[in-house]
Amino acid sequence: MNFYDQEIHKLLEKRAFIENDIKNLEEQFFIKQGELEREQSYLNQHMKHHESKEEHKDLAMHEKLIKNIKKDLSGVERKMDALHLSIVPIEKETNKLKEKQKGVEANLETLKHQEASLFYKYLNQNQSIYQLFIEEINQFFGSIDLFYQALLNEVYVSDAFLSIQLKTLDKLYLSFEKQLFSTHQKLLNLMLNYYHQNEKEQLKMIKGFKKSLASLIRSLKKNYANQVTSCSVEQTKKLIDKDNQLKLEKQKLKKKQDISKKNHAKKQLIDQLTLKSIENKITENSMKQLQELKLLNDNQLSIAAQYNSEYEDKKKLLEESYQKRMATTENSILTQDKNIQALDQSITAKNQLILSRYQITHEKNIESLKQKTYHYEQLVLKATALDIERNKQAQITLKRQANRREAEMRNINNHHKRYLMTTKWAQNRVLARENRSLKKSHNFKMRMLHLN
């Protein structure tokens, strides 16, 4: 029963782990869904206003990001579907184990009823034999009462009558002794059959216990090997997933960094092209307006100086923004590395926790098996001790009955001797009285004859 409970508990724990993984995947799904909605709303807002090339490129980048998020969402959904499908065989296995447990319980109940019926069968036979004992003893004592009643009813007990009554009493005693020996033999045979039957049952129990113990050890070894393989497979899967996730994160960061670098370079080129076009326009206009430039040379020089200062300021601002973006990308890379390290540590901690739990359950199972073996050994010892005690009690009762029979026979013999003595004494008195009366009558008759 404990084996089936442990197996069901293991399957339920496995199902709980799978459900926990499903919950984590659902959380990831909702997070990705929120990111997709934000990106989609951003894209919908800026789809109407995309006049410049930069906005076109920004929208293309957001579209790529939306595609990647949708890909991640489909992957999470596939994983969730696979985990939901993996719950179905666990439920089937638990139902099978519960049905097997019910069948074993029913078999145990039938065995229990069979053992009880066997015990009550022997008990009824034993009671019937004791009832036969009582009937035979009552019959024998009734015949003894009849013997004494016949002697009491007889006025004058002669030797012939007494010998006939004693012969019938001896015949009754011999028949009683034979019946007593036969019933005693029946009782001994019944006790021997019960002992052999009990010994067979005990051997069956020991054999069944050894068989169940061996099957339990085999199943535990098999479960241990399956658990070790599943843990190793799960660990390798998690390591592969971790490596794939690291690669994906690194690729995403590289893509983002490359896109930001390209955008910055493109903006810088656009700024340089605009500057060059402005310079070309200035040179073209300088040829036409040479007269005006001469007059306005001082103003142009001041404008050029101001333009150069503005150019330098704009260049510094662009460089500072580039440095800030580079710093943010490096910080994001560092945070991603830290997150990956934390994820690695949590996975190793979970693996250690799973292994420790399995070790604890394995030790508990071994301890429970030891306790069960000790309990069954104690039961076997108690059963053998009870059989020895029952045999001793049977020997004591046998001796007690033999002693009682001998005492009764001695009592009967003593009664018989006493009866013979009393009857002889009474007969002698009657004989002496009759002799005296006969002598008196003889003397009287002789005196009468002499007188005549």
Protein backbone atom coordinates (compact mmCIF):
# COMPACT_ATOMS: atom_id res chain seq x y z
CA MET A 1 0.00 0.00 0.00
CA ASN A 2 2.85 2.36 0.89
CA PHE A 3 4.52 1.57 -2.45
CA TYR A 4 1.43 2.67 -4.40
CA ASP A 5 1.04 5.79 -2.22
CA GLN A 6 4.67 6.73 -2.80
CA GLU A 7 4.37 6.22 -6.56
CA ILE A 8 1.19 8.33 -6.69
CA HIS A 9 2.91 11.01 -4.58
CA LYS A 10 5.88 11.03 -6.99
CA LEU A 11 3.57 11.44 -9.99
CA LEU A 12 1.70 14.25 -8.25
CA GLU A 13 5.01 16.01 -7.49
CA LYS A 14 6.02 15.62 -11.13
CA ARG A 15 2.69 17.10 -12.20
CA ALA A 16 3.16 20.00 -9.75
CA PHE A 17 6.61 20.72 -11.25
CA ILE A 18 5.13 20.71 -14.77
CA GLU A 19 2.28 23.01 -13.68
CA ASN A 20 4.83 25.36 -12.10
CA ASP A 21 6.75 25.44 -15.42
CA ILE A 22 3.45 26.17 -17.21
CA LYS A 23 2.80 29.09 -14.83
CA ASN A 24 6.28 30.50 -15.50
CA LEU A 25 5.73 30.18 -19.25
CA GLU A 26 2.34 31.90 -18.89
CA GLU A 27 4.04 34.79 -17.08
CA GLN A 28 6.60 35.02 -19.91
CA PHE A 29 3.76 34.90 -22.42
CA PHE A 30 1.93 37.79 -20.74
CA ILE A 31 5.16 39.84 -20.55
CA LYS A 32 5.85 39.25 -24.27
CA GLN A 33 2.21 40.02 -25.05
CA GLY A 34 2.56 43.38 -23.26
CA GLU A 35 5.75 44.17 -25.18
CA LEU A 36 3.99 43.26 -28.45
CA GLU A 37 1.03 45.52 -27.65
CA ARG A 38 3.36 48.42 -26.78
CA GLU A 39 5.37 47.99 -29.98
CA GLN A 40 2.19 47.60 -32.02
CA SER A 41 0.71 50.79 -30.54
CA TYR A 42 3.99 52.65 -31.20
CA LEU A 43 3.98 51.39 -34.79
CA ASN A 44 0.33 52.36 -35.31
CA GLN A 45 1.02 55.87 -33.97
CA HIS A 46 4.02 56.50 -36.27
CA MET A 47 2.72 54.76 -39.40
CA LYS A 48 0.92 57.94 -40.54
CA HIS A 49 3.98 60.20 -40.11
CA HIS A 50 6.97 58.59 -41.83
CA GLU A 51 8.22 61.26 -44.18
CA SER A 52 11.99 61.04 -43.52
CA LYS A 53 14.34 58.09 -44.09
CA GLU A 54 15.20 57.93 -40.40
CA GLU A 55 11.56 57.37 -39.49
CA HIS A 56 11.35 54.68 -42.18
CA LYS A 57 14.35 52.89 -40.67
CA ASP A 58 13.00 53.27 -37.14
CA LEU A 59 9.68 51.75 -38.21
CA ALA A 60 11.48 48.88 -39.97
CA MET A 61 13.45 48.22 -36.79
CA HIS A 62 10.22 48.14 -34.74
CA GLU A 63 8.62 45.78 -37.27
CA LYS A 64 11.60 43.42 -36.91
CA LEU A 65 11.25 43.63 -33.14
CA ILE A 66 7.51 42.78 -33.43
CA LYS A 67 8.36 39.77 -35.62
CA ASN A 68 10.89 38.53 -33.03
CA ILE A 69 8.34 38.98 -30.20
CA LYS A 70 5.73 37.04 -32.21
CA LYS A 71 8.29 34.30 -32.81
CA ASP A 72 9.05 34.16 -29.06
CA LEU A 73 5.31 34.03 -28.31
CA SER A 74 4.79 31.09 -30.71
CA GLY A 75 7.76 29.29 -29.08
CA VAL A 76 6.30 29.82 -25.59
CA GLU A 77 2.90 28.55 -26.81
CA ARG A 78 4.53 25.43 -28.26
CA LYS A 79 6.32 24.77 -24.97
CA MET A 80 3.07 25.25 -23.03
CA ASP A 81 1.23 22.85 -25.36
CA ALA A 82 3.99 20.27 -24.95
CA LEU A 83 3.82 20.57 -21.14
CA HIS A 84 0.01 20.27 -21.20
CA LEU A 85 0.36 17.12 -23.32
CA SER A 86 2.95 15.71 -20.88
CA ILE A 87 0.38 15.99 -18.03
CA VAL A 88 -1.99 13.53 -19.80
CA PRO A 89 0.24 10.37 -19.42
CA ILE A 90 0.90 11.33 -15.78
CA GLU A 91 -2.88 11.41 -15.14
CA LYS A 92 -3.29 8.04 -16.89
CA GLU A 93 -0.45 6.57 -14.80
CA THR A 94 -1.98 7.88 -11.55
CA ASN A 95 -5.38 6.41 -12.49
CA LYS A 96 -3.74 3.05 -13.29
CA LEU A 97 -1.90 3.06 -9.96
CA LYS A 98 -5.10 3.91 -8.09
CA GLU A 99 -6.94 1.05 -9.85
CA LYS A 100 -4.07 -1.34 -9.02
CA GLN A 101 -4.15 -0.17 -5.41
CA LYS A 102 -7.90 -0.86 -5.25
CA GLY A 103 -7.35 -4.34 -6.73
CA VAL A 104 -4.58 -5.13 -4.23
CA GLU A 105 -6.77 -3.90 -1.37
CA ALA A 106 -9.63 -6.12 -2.59
CA ASN A 107 -7.26 -9.11 -2.82
CA LEU A 108 -6.00 -8.42 0.69
CA GLU A 109 -9.57 -8.23 1.94
CA THR A 110 -10.42 -11.58 0.31
CA LEU A 111 -7.26 -13.15 1.77
CA LYS A 112 -8.23 -11.77 5.14
CA HIS A 113 -11.70 -13.35 4.88
CA GLN A 114 -10.15 -16.64 3.73
CA GLU A 115 -7.78 -16.70 6.71
CA ALA A 116 -10.64 -15.89 9.07
CA SER A 117 -12.84 -18.61 7.53
CA LEU A 118 -10.00 -21.14 7.87
CA PHE A 119 -9.47 -20.20 11.51
CA TYR A 120 -13.20 -20.40 12.29
CA LYS A 121 -13.36 -23.75 10.49
CA TYR A 122 -10.68 -25.23 12.75
CA LEU A 123 -12.26 -23.54 15.77
CA ASN A 124 -15.66 -25.12 15.01
CA GLN A 125 -14.04 -28.53 14.52
CA ASN A 126 -12.20 -28.13 17.83
CA GLN A 127 -15.43 -27.18 19.61
CA SER A 128 -17.23 -30.16 18.08
CA ILE A 129 -14.47 -32.49 19.32
CA TYR A 130 -14.67 -31.02 22.83
CA GLN A 131 -18.44 -31.39 22.69
CA LEU A 132 -17.93 -35.07 21.77
CA PHE A 133 -15.55 -35.40 24.74
CA ILE A 134 -18.22 -34.00 27.06
CA GLU A 135 -20.91 -36.33 25.65
CA GLU A 136 -18.67 -39.40 26.01
CA ILE A 137 -17.72 -38.51 29.61
CA ASN A 138 -21.36 -37.85 30.51
CA GLN A 139 -22.37 -41.15 28.94
CA PHE A 140 -19.66 -43.01 30.86
CA PHE A 141 -20.61 -41.43 34.18
CA GLY A 142 -24.28 -42.17 33.40
CA SER A 143 -23.40 -45.86 32.92
CA ILE A 144 -21.51 -45.82 36.27
CA ASP A 145 -24.60 -44.31 37.92
CA LEU A 146 -26.70 -47.09 36.35
CA PHE A 147 -24.24 -49.68 37.71
CA TYR A 148 -24.55 -48.32 41.26
CA GLN A 149 -28.32 -47.98 40.89
CA ALA A 150 -28.56 -51.66 39.86
CA LEU A 151 -26.52 -52.67 42.91
CA LEU A 152 -28.71 -50.56 45.18
CA ASN A 153 -31.91 -51.95 43.70
CA GLU A 154 -30.76 -55.53 44.27
CA VAL A 155 -31.76 -56.91 47.72
CA TYR A 156 -29.24 -59.71 47.83
CA VAL A 157 -26.12 -59.24 45.68
CA SER A 158 -24.72 -62.60 44.75
CA ASP A 159 -21.33 -63.28 43.23
CA ALA A 160 -22.83 -64.14 39.85
CA PHE A 161 -24.86 -60.90 39.70
CA LEU A 162 -21.84 -58.89 40.80
CA SER A 163 -19.58 -60.55 38.22
CA ILE A 164 -22.15 -59.83 35.46
CA GLN A 165 -22.41 -56.19 36.49
CA LEU A 166 -18.63 -55.85 36.71
CA LYS A 167 -18.22 -57.41 33.25
CA THR A 168 -20.69 -54.90 31.78
CA LEU A 169 -18.85 -52.10 33.63
CA ASP A 170 -15.52 -53.32 32.24
CA LYS A 171 -17.01 -53.42 28.73
CA LEU A 172 -18.32 -49.89 29.18
CA TYR A 173 -14.94 -48.76 30.48
CA LEU A 174 -13.12 -50.34 27.53
CA SER A 175 -15.53 -48.73 25.02
CA PHE A 176 -15.17 -45.39 26.83
CA GLU A 177 -11.40 -45.73 26.73
CA LYS A 178 -11.48 -46.51 23.00
CA GLN A 179 -13.81 -43.58 22.29
CA LEU A 180 -11.62 -41.33 24.44
CA PHE A 181 -8.50 -42.40 22.56
CA SER A 182 -10.21 -41.95 19.17
CA THR A 183 -11.52 -38.45 20.02
CA HIS A 184 -8.15 -37.57 21.51
CA GLN A 185 -6.52 -38.76 18.30
CA LYS A 186 -8.98 -36.64 16.32
CA LEU A 187 -8.05 -33.62 18.42
CA LEU A 188 -4.33 -34.28 17.90
CA ASN A 189 -4.87 -34.73 14.14
CA LEU A 190 -6.85 -31.50 14.04
CA MET A 191 -4.10 -29.66 15.92
CA LEU A 192 -1.47 -31.16 13.62
CA ASN A 193 -3.44 -30.17 10.51
CA TYR A 194 -3.89 -26.67 11.91
CA TYR A 195 -0.17 -26.47 12.64
CA HIS A 196 0.73 -27.62 9.11
CA GLN A 197 -1.84 -25.28 7.57
CA ASN A 198 -0.58 -22.38 9.67
CA GLU A 199 3.00 -23.25 8.72
CA LYS A 200 2.01 -23.27 5.02
CA GLU A 201 0.29 -19.90 5.42
CA GLN A 202 3.34 -18.49 7.17
CA LEU A 203 5.62 -19.80 4.43
CA LYS A 204 3.28 -18.26 1.83
CA MET A 205 3.35 -14.96 3.74
CA ILE A 206 7.16 -15.02 3.97
CA LYS A 207 7.43 -15.93 0.29
CA GLY A 208 4.98 -13.20 -0.71
CA PHE A 209 6.76 -10.70 1.50
CA LYS A 210 10.14 -11.59 -0.03
CA LYS A 211 8.64 -11.39 -3.51
CA SER A 212 7.02 -8.01 -2.81
CA LEU A 213 10.24 -6.80 -1.19
CA ALA A 214 12.28 -7.86 -4.23
CA SER A 215 9.80 -6.22 -6.62
CA LEU A 216 9.80 -3.10 -4.46
CA ILE A 217 13.61 -2.95 -4.51
CA ARG A 218 13.61 -3.47 -8.29
CA SER A 219 11.03 -0.74 -8.78
CA LEU A 220 12.97 1.61 -6.48
CA LYS A 221 16.18 0.96 -8.41
CA LYS A 222 14.31 1.49 -11.69
CA ASN A 223 12.74 4.70 -10.37
CA TYR A 224 16.13 5.86 -9.14
CA ALA A 225 17.72 5.20 -12.54
CA ASN A 226 14.79 6.89 -14.33
CA GLN A 227 14.98 9.85 -11.95
CA VAL A 228 18.74 10.19 -12.48
CA THR A 229 18.35 9.99 -16.26
CA SER A 230 15.42 12.41 -16.25
CA CYS A 231 17.36 14.82 -14.03
CA SER A 232 20.42 14.60 -16.28
CA VAL A 233 18.27 15.05 -19.41
CA GLU A 234 16.44 17.97 -17.80
CA GLN A 235 19.74 19.50 -16.72
CA THR A 236 21.19 19.18 -20.23
CA LYS A 237 17.98 20.66 -21.67
CA LYS A 238 18.16 23.58 -19.28
CA LEU A 239 21.83 24.12 -20.09
CA ILE A 240 21.04 24.02 -23.82
CA ASP A 241 18.14 26.44 -23.28
CA LYS A 242 20.41 28.71 -21.24
CA ASP A 243 23.09 28.68 -23.97
CA ASN A 244 20.47 29.33 -26.65
CA GLN A 245 18.98 32.15 -24.60
CA LEU A 246 22.43 33.67 -24.05
CA LYS A 247 23.15 33.45 -27.77
CA LEU A 248 19.81 35.03 -28.61
CA GLU A 249 20.32 37.85 -26.10
CA LYS A 250 23.84 38.47 -27.38
CA GLN A 251 22.60 38.48 -30.98
CA LYS A 252 19.79 40.89 -30.04
CA LEU A 253 22.24 43.19 -28.25
CA LYS A 254 24.65 43.03 -31.19
CA LYS A 255 21.83 43.80 -33.60
CA LYS A 256 20.65 46.72 -31.47
CA GLN A 257 24.21 48.01 -31.16
CA ASP A 258 24.84 47.66 -34.89
CA ILE A 259 21.52 49.37 -35.68
CA SER A 260 22.31 52.23 -33.28
CA LYS A 261 25.82 52.57 -34.74
CA LYS A 262 24.45 52.55 -38.30
CA ASN A 263 21.80 55.12 -37.41
CA HIS A 264 24.42 57.34 -35.78
CA ALA A 265 26.77 56.99 -38.77
CA LYS A 266 23.92 57.72 -41.14
CA LYS A 267 22.91 60.80 -39.17
CA GLN A 268 26.53 61.98 -39.18
CA LEU A 269 26.75 61.43 -42.96
CA ILE A 270 23.50 63.32 -43.49
CA ASP A 271 24.83 66.19 -41.38
CA GLN A 272 28.10 66.22 -43.35
CA LEU A 273 26.20 66.12 -46.67
CA THR A 274 24.00 69.00 -45.59
CA LEU A 275 27.14 70.92 -44.57
CA LYS A 276 28.77 70.15 -47.90
CA SER A 277 25.68 71.24 -49.83
CA ILE A 278 25.58 74.45 -47.81
CA GLU A 279 29.29 75.04 -48.53
CA ASN A 280 28.73 74.37 -52.25
CA LYS A 281 25.86 76.81 -52.30
CA ILE A 282 28.03 79.36 -50.52
CA THR A 283 30.83 78.91 -53.07
CA GLU A 284 28.40 79.19 -55.97
CA ASN A 285 26.83 82.29 -54.51
CA SER A 286 30.27 83.73 -53.76
CA MET A 287 31.12 83.84 -57.45
CA LYS A 288 27.96 85.69 -58.25
CA GLN A 289 28.03 87.96 -55.28
CA LEU A 290 31.72 88.68 -55.18
CA GLN A 291 31.01 92.35 -55.05
CA GLU A 292 28.62 91.97 -52.20
CA LEU A 293 30.97 89.59 -50.38
CA LYS A 294 33.72 92.10 -50.53
CA LEU A 295 31.45 94.68 -49.07
CA LEU A 296 30.09 92.26 -46.54
CA ASN A 297 33.39 90.46 -45.88
CA ASP A 298 33.40 91.34 -42.26
CA ASN A 299 29.83 90.16 -41.83
CA GLN A 300 30.58 86.90 -43.69
CA LEU A 301 33.63 86.26 -41.56
CA SER A 302 31.58 86.73 -38.42
CA ILE A 303 28.83 84.51 -39.87
CA ALA A 304 31.44 81.87 -40.79
CA ALA A 305 32.89 82.01 -37.29
CA GLN A 306 29.42 81.69 -35.80
CA TYR A 307 28.60 78.83 -38.19
CA ASN A 308 31.84 77.05 -37.26
CA SER A 309 31.03 77.47 -33.58
CA GLU A 310 27.53 76.12 -34.16
CA TYR A 311 28.99 73.23 -36.18
CA GLU A 312 31.41 72.41 -33.39
CA ASP A 313 28.62 72.60 -30.81
CA LYS A 314 26.40 70.33 -32.87
CA LYS A 315 29.27 67.92 -33.42
CA LYS A 316 29.97 67.85 -29.67
CA LEU A 317 26.29 67.22 -28.94
CA LEU A 318 26.22 64.37 -31.46
CA GLU A 319 29.38 62.85 -29.99
CA GLU A 320 28.00 63.17 -26.45
CA SER A 321 24.73 61.50 -27.52
CA TYR A 322 26.79 58.76 -29.21
CA GLN A 323 28.82 58.23 -26.03
CA LYS A 324 25.63 58.12 -23.94
CA ARG A 325 24.10 55.53 -26.26
CA MET A 326 27.24 53.47 -26.16
CA ALA A 327 27.23 53.65 -22.32
CA THR A 328 23.57 52.61 -22.17
CA THR A 329 24.19 49.69 -24.55
CA GLU A 330 27.20 48.57 -22.46
CA ASN A 331 25.12 48.86 -19.26
CA SER A 332 22.34 46.82 -20.87
CA ILE A 333 24.92 44.19 -21.92
CA LEU A 334 26.26 44.07 -18.33
CA THR A 335 22.75 43.76 -16.89
CA GLN A 336 21.96 40.97 -19.35
CA ASP A 337 25.17 39.16 -18.33
CA LYS A 338 24.21 39.55 -14.66
CA ASN A 339 20.71 38.25 -15.37
CA ILE A 340 22.16 35.26 -17.22
CA GLN A 341 24.52 34.52 -14.31
CA ALA A 342 21.61 34.80 -11.84
CA LEU A 343 19.55 32.46 -14.04
CA ASP A 344 22.45 29.99 -14.13
CA GLN A 345 22.78 30.12 -10.34
CA SER A 346 19.01 29.61 -9.86
CA ILE A 347 19.04 26.62 -12.25
CA THR A 348 21.97 25.02 -10.39
CA ALA A 349 20.22 25.68 -7.05
CA LYS A 350 17.01 24.08 -8.36
CA ASN A 351 18.98 21.06 -9.59
CA GLN A 352 20.65 20.70 -6.19
CA LEU A 353 17.24 21.01 -4.49
CA ILE A 354 15.77 18.30 -6.75
CA LEU A 355 18.73 15.97 -6.08
CA SER A 356 18.52 16.58 -2.31
CA ARG A 357 14.77 15.91 -2.34
CA TYR A 358 15.31 12.69 -4.24
CA GLN A 359 18.07 11.64 -1.82
CA ILE A 360 15.79 12.34 1.17
CA THR A 361 12.90 10.37 -0.36
CA HIS A 362 15.29 7.52 -1.27
CA GLU A 363 16.60 7.36 2.31
CA LYS A 364 13.03 7.50 3.68
CA ASN A 365 12.00 4.60 1.42
CA ILE A 366 15.01 2.52 2.53
CA GLU A 367 14.25 3.29 6.20
CA SER A 368 10.57 2.35 5.75
CA LEU A 369 11.62 -0.92 4.05
CA LYS A 370 13.93 -1.72 6.98
CA GLN A 371 11.13 -0.99 9.44
CA LYS A 372 8.72 -3.20 7.48
CA THR A 373 11.21 -6.07 7.35
CA TYR A 374 11.81 -5.75 11.08
CA HIS A 375 8.02 -5.62 11.67
CA TYR A 376 7.41 -8.74 9.57
CA GLU A 377 10.27 -10.58 11.27
CA GLN A 378 8.74 -9.66 14.65
CA LEU A 379 5.36 -10.93 13.42
CA VAL A 380 6.93 -14.21 12.29
CA LEU A 381 8.71 -14.58 15.65
CA LYS A 382 5.50 -13.83 17.53
CA ALA A 383 3.57 -16.37 15.41
CA THR A 384 6.19 -19.08 16.04
CA ALA A 385 6.19 -18.23 19.76
CA LEU A 386 2.39 -18.46 19.80
CA ASP A 387 2.53 -21.86 18.06
CA ILE A 388 5.08 -23.11 20.61
CA GLU A 389 2.93 -21.79 23.45
CA ARG A 390 -0.16 -23.45 21.96
CA ASN A 391 1.70 -26.76 21.66
CA LYS A 392 2.81 -26.44 25.30
CA GLN A 393 -0.75 -25.68 26.38
CA ALA A 394 -1.98 -28.69 24.39
CA GLN A 395 0.63 -30.93 26.08
CA ILE A 396 -0.37 -29.54 29.49
CA THR A 397 -4.08 -30.12 28.80
CA LEU A 398 -3.27 -33.64 27.55
CA LYS A 399 -1.30 -34.40 30.71
CA ARG A 400 -4.06 -32.88 32.84
CA GLN A 401 -6.69 -35.06 31.13
CA ALA A 402 -4.51 -38.17 31.54
CA ASN A 403 -3.98 -37.36 35.23
CA ARG A 404 -7.71 -36.73 35.63
CA ARG A 405 -8.48 -40.05 33.93
CA GLU A 406 -6.03 -41.90 36.20
CA ALA A 407 -7.52 -40.18 39.29
CA GLU A 408 -11.02 -41.12 38.18
CA MET A 409 -9.94 -44.73 37.59
CA ARG A 410 -8.33 -44.82 41.05
CA ASN A 411 -11.50 -43.36 42.52
CA ILE A 412 -13.63 -45.97 40.71
CA ASN A 413 -11.34 -48.78 41.94
CA ASN A 414 -11.44 -47.42 45.48
CA HIS A 415 -15.26 -47.21 45.31
CA HIS A 416 -15.36 -50.75 43.95
CA LYS A 417 -13.09 -52.10 46.71
CA ARG A 418 -15.06 -50.25 49.37
CA TYR A 419 -18.30 -51.58 47.88
CA LEU A 420 -16.93 -55.14 47.89
CA MET A 421 -15.86 -54.77 51.49
CA THR A 422 -19.20 -53.35 52.61
CA THR A 423 -21.16 -55.97 50.66
CA LYS A 424 -19.01 -58.78 52.13
CA TRP A 425 -19.39 -57.36 55.62
CA ALA A 426 -23.20 -57.07 55.18
CA GLN A 427 -23.44 -60.59 53.71
CA ASN A 428 -21.33 -61.99 56.56
CA ARG A 429 -23.62 -60.31 59.10
CA VAL A 430 -26.74 -61.69 57.34
CA LEU A 431 -25.11 -65.13 57.13
CA ALA A 432 -24.13 -65.08 60.82
CA ARG A 433 -27.63 -63.97 61.77
CA GLU A 434 -29.22 -66.75 59.68
CA ASN A 435 -26.75 -69.30 61.16
CA ARG A 436 -27.68 -68.22 64.68
CA SER A 437 -31.41 -68.40 63.89
CA LEU A 438 -30.96 -71.82 62.26
CA LYS A 439 -28.92 -73.07 65.24
CA LYS A 440 -31.59 -71.82 67.63
CA SER A 441 -34.33 -73.50 65.61
CA HIS A 442 -32.25 -76.72 65.37
CA ASN A 443 -31.61 -76.73 69.15
CA PHE A 444 -35.26 -76.02 69.81
CA LYS A 445 -36.34 -78.85 67.54
CA MET A 446 -33.83 -81.20 69.13
CA ARG A 447 -35.10 -80.35 72.61
CA MET A 448 -38.65 -80.94 71.45
CA LEU A 449 -37.67 -84.32 70.03
CA HIS A 450 -35.97 -85.33 73.30
CA LEU A 451 -39.05 -84.29 75.28
CA ASN A 452 -41.30 -86.35 73.11
